[in-house]
Amino acid sequence: MQPITQSNLHQHLISLYNEHPALRKGKLTTYPDNDVLVFEKADDAERFLILVNVRNEAKTVAVPGDWKKLGETITLKPFEYRIEKF
């Protein structure tokens, strides 16, 4: 896989969406936060945690449920996002 750059970011995200049914059709679980959009998409085979900092400053958010293997909190830079697979 080639490194993700600004020029191929959208193609990479579309590929992830197409390759993982959980992202398309999985059950949606949301986790409330005022600054970071946090949700899980899961099916019988896969689980993903998506975190999106919607602010123009760094934000720290508590890691939900059994995703604590990532740590107790995650700090995201302004407008940074992360997609984690369980």
Protein backbone atom coordinates (compact mmCIF):
# COMPACT_ATOMS: atom_id res chain seq x y z
CA MET A 1 0.00 0.00 0.00
CA GLN A 2 1.33 3.42 -0.89
CA PRO A 3 1.66 6.10 1.80
CA ILE A 4 -1.41 8.25 2.36
CA THR A 5 -0.90 11.79 1.10
CA GLN A 6 -3.23 14.73 0.71
CA SER A 7 -3.56 13.98 -2.99
CA ASN A 8 -4.68 10.36 -2.52
CA LEU A 9 -6.60 10.72 0.77
CA HIS A 10 -10.07 10.55 -0.76
CA GLN A 11 -9.19 7.49 -2.81
CA HIS A 12 -7.84 5.78 0.30
CA LEU A 13 -11.03 6.52 2.27
CA ILE A 14 -13.22 5.26 -0.58
CA SER A 15 -11.13 2.06 -0.74
CA LEU A 16 -11.55 1.50 3.01
CA TYR A 17 -15.30 1.99 2.68
CA ASN A 18 -15.54 -0.43 -0.25
CA GLU A 19 -13.30 -3.11 1.32
CA HIS A 20 -14.99 -3.29 4.74
CA PRO A 21 -18.71 -4.11 4.91
CA ALA A 22 -18.83 -3.00 8.56
CA LEU A 23 -18.15 0.58 7.43
CA ARG A 24 -20.97 0.45 4.89
CA LYS A 25 -23.67 -1.62 6.56
CA GLY A 26 -22.52 -2.15 10.14
CA LYS A 27 -24.39 -1.15 13.26
CA LEU A 28 -23.76 2.45 14.26
CA THR A 29 -22.96 3.27 17.89
CA THR A 30 -22.36 6.91 18.78
CA TYR A 31 -20.46 8.32 21.75
CA PRO A 32 -21.36 11.88 22.79
CA ASP A 33 -18.69 14.58 22.87
CA ASN A 34 -18.92 18.30 22.09
CA ASP A 35 -15.64 18.57 20.21
CA VAL A 36 -14.83 15.16 18.74
CA LEU A 37 -17.19 13.08 16.63
CA VAL A 38 -16.81 9.53 17.98
CA PHE A 39 -18.65 6.52 16.62
CA GLU A 40 -18.28 2.81 16.05
CA LYS A 41 -19.35 0.81 13.01
CA ALA A 42 -19.51 -2.95 13.53
CA ASP A 43 -20.79 -6.13 11.96
CA ASP A 44 -20.24 -9.79 12.88
CA ALA A 45 -16.73 -9.78 11.40
CA GLU A 46 -15.23 -6.33 12.05
CA ARG A 47 -15.38 -3.29 14.30
CA PHE A 48 -14.11 0.21 13.61
CA LEU A 49 -13.84 3.25 15.85
CA ILE A 50 -13.88 6.58 14.06
CA LEU A 51 -12.79 9.79 15.79
CA VAL A 52 -12.92 13.21 14.11
CA ASN A 53 -11.79 16.42 15.79
CA VAL A 54 -14.20 19.03 14.45
CA ARG A 55 -12.41 21.94 16.15
CA ASN A 56 -9.49 24.10 15.07
CA GLU A 57 -7.52 23.25 18.21
CA ALA A 58 -6.21 20.02 19.68
CA LYS A 59 -8.80 18.06 21.66
CA THR A 60 -8.57 15.08 23.99
CA VAL A 61 -11.42 12.60 24.17
CA ALA A 62 -12.05 9.62 26.45
CA VAL A 63 -11.78 6.27 24.68
CA PRO A 64 -15.10 4.41 24.88
CA GLY A 65 -15.81 0.93 26.24
CA ASP A 66 -13.54 -1.93 25.28
CA TRP A 67 -11.52 0.30 22.96
CA LYS A 68 -9.37 1.16 25.99
CA LYS A 69 -6.58 -0.93 24.43
CA LEU A 70 -5.86 2.35 22.61
CA GLY A 71 -5.39 4.08 25.98
CA GLU A 72 -7.71 5.96 28.32
CA THR A 73 -7.75 9.06 26.11
CA ILE A 74 -6.77 10.09 22.59
CA THR A 75 -5.60 13.56 21.66
CA LEU A 76 -6.30 14.72 18.13
CA LYS A 77 -4.73 17.69 16.38
CA PRO A 78 -7.04 20.33 14.87
CA PHE A 79 -9.34 18.65 12.32
CA GLU A 80 -7.45 15.36 12.65
CA TYR A 81 -9.29 12.05 12.31
CA ARG A 82 -8.45 8.45 13.18
CA ILE A 83 -9.95 5.19 12.01
CA GLU A 84 -9.10 2.28 14.30
CA LYS A 85 -9.88 -1.39 13.64
CA PHE A 86 -10.54 -3.67 16.63
